[in-house]
Amino acid sequence: MYTDPETVTNTQKNINDTSLKEFLTSDIFQELEKAQTIMPEKCSNCCWERVCGGGHLIDRFSIANRFNNPSAYCSVMMKIYAHMTKYLLASGIPESKIQNSLHLV
């Protein structure tokens, strides 16, 4: 995945002839705002959904799916979260407390 410069950074607007309002209401900023509030489809059944939120937008972009992708670091983050959970359980934190924190119950 990578950021497509033609659609993400090339807005055809500049500071000399565009107001801040016009710039922030451009198509790409509207898409970014929407992407921040919508979880990628592949993340909808993940137990870590509430922890990572689908990952940072910059790590979710592809030309084919735009921002409807899990983070490029998804598998690594899942391992880290699992390791942290194992540590918490080994440290005596009750499983129910972890599940409540993750909103799994």
C-alpha atoms as a PDB file:
ATOM      1  CA  MET A   1       0.000   0.000   0.000  1.00  0.00           C
ATOM      2  CA  TYR A   2       1.088   3.528  -0.591  1.00  0.00           C
ATOM      3  CA  THR A   3      -0.405   6.958  -0.839  1.00  0.00           C
ATOM      4  CA  ASP A   4      -1.407   7.919  -4.357  1.00  0.00           C
ATOM      5  CA  PRO A   5       0.058  11.401  -4.913  1.00  0.00           C
ATOM      6  CA  GLU A   6      -2.344  12.114  -7.759  1.00  0.00           C
ATOM      7  CA  THR A   7      -5.380  11.957  -5.502  1.00  0.00           C
ATOM      8  CA  VAL A   8      -4.069  12.603  -2.027  1.00  0.00           C
ATOM      9  CA  THR A   9      -1.630  15.474  -2.481  1.00  0.00           C
ATOM     10  CA  ASN A  10      -2.462  16.925  -5.878  1.00  0.00           C
ATOM     11  CA  THR A  11      -5.566  18.995  -5.098  1.00  0.00           C
ATOM     12  CA  GLN A  12      -5.060  21.545  -7.902  1.00  0.00           C
ATOM     13  CA  LYS A  13      -5.459  24.265  -5.275  1.00  0.00           C
ATOM     14  CA  ASN A  14      -2.987  26.760  -3.940  1.00  0.00           C
ATOM     15  CA  ILE A  15      -2.893  29.361  -1.205  1.00  0.00           C
ATOM     16  CA  ASN A  16      -3.127  32.285  -3.644  1.00  0.00           C
ATOM     17  CA  ASP A  17      -6.553  31.507  -5.047  1.00  0.00           C
ATOM     18  CA  THR A  18      -8.186  29.089  -2.594  1.00  0.00           C
ATOM     19  CA  SER A  19      -9.715  29.808   0.778  1.00  0.00           C
ATOM     20  CA  LEU A  20      -9.068  27.491   3.694  1.00  0.00           C
ATOM     21  CA  LYS A  21     -12.746  26.530   3.644  1.00  0.00           C
ATOM     22  CA  GLU A  22     -12.555  25.564  -0.050  1.00  0.00           C
ATOM     23  CA  PHE A  23      -9.402  23.574   0.578  1.00  0.00           C
ATOM     24  CA  LEU A  24     -10.845  21.688   3.548  1.00  0.00           C
ATOM     25  CA  THR A  25     -14.053  20.887   1.659  1.00  0.00           C
ATOM     26  CA  SER A  26     -12.191  19.474  -1.339  1.00  0.00           C
ATOM     27  CA  ASP A  27     -12.925  15.884  -2.349  1.00  0.00           C
ATOM     28  CA  ILE A  28      -9.791  14.402  -0.803  1.00  0.00           C
ATOM     29  CA  PHE A  29     -10.352  16.046   2.573  1.00  0.00           C
ATOM     30  CA  GLN A  30     -13.953  14.843   2.562  1.00  0.00           C
ATOM     31  CA  GLU A  31     -12.713  11.335   1.779  1.00  0.00           C
ATOM     32  CA  LEU A  32     -10.137  11.519   4.586  1.00  0.00           C
ATOM     33  CA  GLU A  33     -12.728  12.726   7.074  1.00  0.00           C
ATOM     34  CA  LYS A  34     -15.069   9.888   6.109  1.00  0.00           C
ATOM     35  CA  ALA A  35     -12.244   7.315   6.274  1.00  0.00           C
ATOM     36  CA  GLN A  36     -11.430   8.382   9.840  1.00  0.00           C
ATOM     37  CA  THR A  37     -14.937   7.506  10.985  1.00  0.00           C
ATOM     38  CA  ILE A  38     -15.492   4.284   9.031  1.00  0.00           C
ATOM     39  CA  MET A  39     -13.734   1.069   9.985  1.00  0.00           C
ATOM     40  CA  PRO A  40     -12.277  -0.969   7.113  1.00  0.00           C
ATOM     41  CA  GLU A  41     -14.558  -3.894   6.227  1.00  0.00           C
ATOM     42  CA  LYS A  42     -11.871  -6.492   6.995  1.00  0.00           C
ATOM     43  CA  CYS A  43     -11.607  -5.145  10.550  1.00  0.00           C
ATOM     44  CA  SER A  44     -15.274  -5.522  11.465  1.00  0.00           C
ATOM     45  CA  ASN A  45     -14.897  -8.920  13.176  1.00  0.00           C
ATOM     46  CA  CYS A  46     -11.449  -8.425  14.683  1.00  0.00           C
ATOM     47  CA  CYS A  47     -11.197  -8.633  18.476  1.00  0.00           C
ATOM     48  CA  TRP A  48      -8.677  -5.752  18.402  1.00  0.00           C
ATOM     49  CA  GLU A  49     -10.988  -3.437  16.435  1.00  0.00           C
ATOM     50  CA  ARG A  50     -11.521  -1.063  19.354  1.00  0.00           C
ATOM     51  CA  VAL A  51      -7.827  -1.004  20.194  1.00  0.00           C
ATOM     52  CA  CYS A  52      -6.345  -0.138  16.807  1.00  0.00           C
ATOM     53  CA  GLY A  53      -9.344   1.345  14.991  1.00  0.00           C
ATOM     54  CA  GLY A  54      -8.185  -0.090  11.680  1.00  0.00           C
ATOM     55  CA  GLY A  55      -4.804   1.589  11.918  1.00  0.00           C
ATOM     56  CA  HIS A  56      -3.576   4.996  10.824  1.00  0.00           C
ATOM     57  CA  LEU A  57      -4.994   6.292   7.555  1.00  0.00           C
ATOM     58  CA  ILE A  58      -1.560   6.638   6.017  1.00  0.00           C
ATOM     59  CA  ASP A  59      -1.065   2.884   6.520  1.00  0.00           C
ATOM     60  CA  ARG A  60      -4.476   1.955   5.041  1.00  0.00           C
ATOM     61  CA  PHE A  61      -4.424   3.422   1.540  1.00  0.00           C
ATOM     62  CA  SER A  62      -4.443   1.480  -1.716  1.00  0.00           C
ATOM     63  CA  ILE A  63      -5.482   2.629  -5.176  1.00  0.00           C
ATOM     64  CA  ALA A  64      -7.920  -0.281  -5.508  1.00  0.00           C
ATOM     65  CA  ASN A  65      -9.717   0.103  -2.161  1.00  0.00           C
ATOM     66  CA  ARG A  66      -8.739   3.638  -1.195  1.00  0.00           C
ATOM     67  CA  PHE A  67      -8.846   3.707   2.650  1.00  0.00           C
ATOM     68  CA  ASN A  68     -10.983   0.564   3.002  1.00  0.00           C
ATOM     69  CA  ASN A  69      -8.016  -1.584   4.047  1.00  0.00           C
ATOM     70  CA  PRO A  70      -6.661  -2.653   7.402  1.00  0.00           C
ATOM     71  CA  SER A  71      -3.309  -1.214   8.377  1.00  0.00           C
ATOM     72  CA  ALA A  72      -0.300  -2.489   6.482  1.00  0.00           C
ATOM     73  CA  TYR A  73       0.990  -3.384   9.960  1.00  0.00           C
ATOM     74  CA  CYS A  74      -2.134  -5.330  10.961  1.00  0.00           C
ATOM     75  CA  SER A  75      -0.516  -8.731  11.480  1.00  0.00           C
ATOM     76  CA  VAL A  76       2.330  -7.252  13.522  1.00  0.00           C
ATOM     77  CA  MET A  77      -0.044  -5.212  15.682  1.00  0.00           C
ATOM     78  CA  MET A  78      -2.195  -8.282  16.336  1.00  0.00           C
ATOM     79  CA  LYS A  79       0.886 -10.142  17.618  1.00  0.00           C
ATOM     80  CA  ILE A  80       1.823  -7.213  19.862  1.00  0.00           C
ATOM     81  CA  TYR A  81      -1.709  -6.963  21.286  1.00  0.00           C
ATOM     82  CA  ALA A  82      -1.798 -10.723  21.901  1.00  0.00           C
ATOM     83  CA  HIS A  83       1.603 -10.600  23.626  1.00  0.00           C
ATOM     84  CA  MET A  84       0.453  -7.697  25.811  1.00  0.00           C
ATOM     85  CA  THR A  85      -2.738  -9.551  26.715  1.00  0.00           C
ATOM     86  CA  LYS A  86      -0.752 -12.677  27.627  1.00  0.00           C
ATOM     87  CA  TYR A  87       1.472 -10.530  29.851  1.00  0.00           C
ATOM     88  CA  LEU A  88      -1.542  -8.917  31.550  1.00  0.00           C
ATOM     89  CA  LEU A  89      -3.094 -12.333  32.212  1.00  0.00           C
ATOM     90  CA  ALA A  90       0.216 -13.661  33.593  1.00  0.00           C
ATOM     91  CA  SER A  91       0.389 -10.573  35.830  1.00  0.00           C
ATOM     92  CA  GLY A  92      -2.925 -11.442  37.418  1.00  0.00           C
ATOM     93  CA  ILE A  93      -5.257  -9.123  35.535  1.00  0.00           C
ATOM     94  CA  PRO A  94      -8.595 -10.955  35.282  1.00  0.00           C
ATOM     95  CA  GLU A  95      -9.657 -11.977  31.776  1.00  0.00           C
ATOM     96  CA  SER A  96     -13.041 -10.344  32.369  1.00  0.00           C
ATOM     97  CA  LYS A  97     -11.381  -6.976  33.012  1.00  0.00           C
ATOM     98  CA  ILE A  98      -9.427  -7.238  29.740  1.00  0.00           C
ATOM     99  CA  GLN A  99     -12.575  -8.240  27.863  1.00  0.00           C
ATOM    100  CA  ASN A 100     -14.454  -5.287  29.376  1.00  0.00           C
ATOM    101  CA  SER A 101     -11.671  -2.953  28.296  1.00  0.00           C
ATOM    102  CA  LEU A 102     -11.894  -4.314  24.765  1.00  0.00           C
ATOM    103  CA  HIS A 103     -15.716  -4.143  24.882  1.00  0.00           C
ATOM    104  CA  LEU A 104     -15.919  -7.877  24.168  1.00  0.00           C
ATOM    105  CA  VAL A 105     -18.600  -8.560  26.794  1.00  0.00           C
END
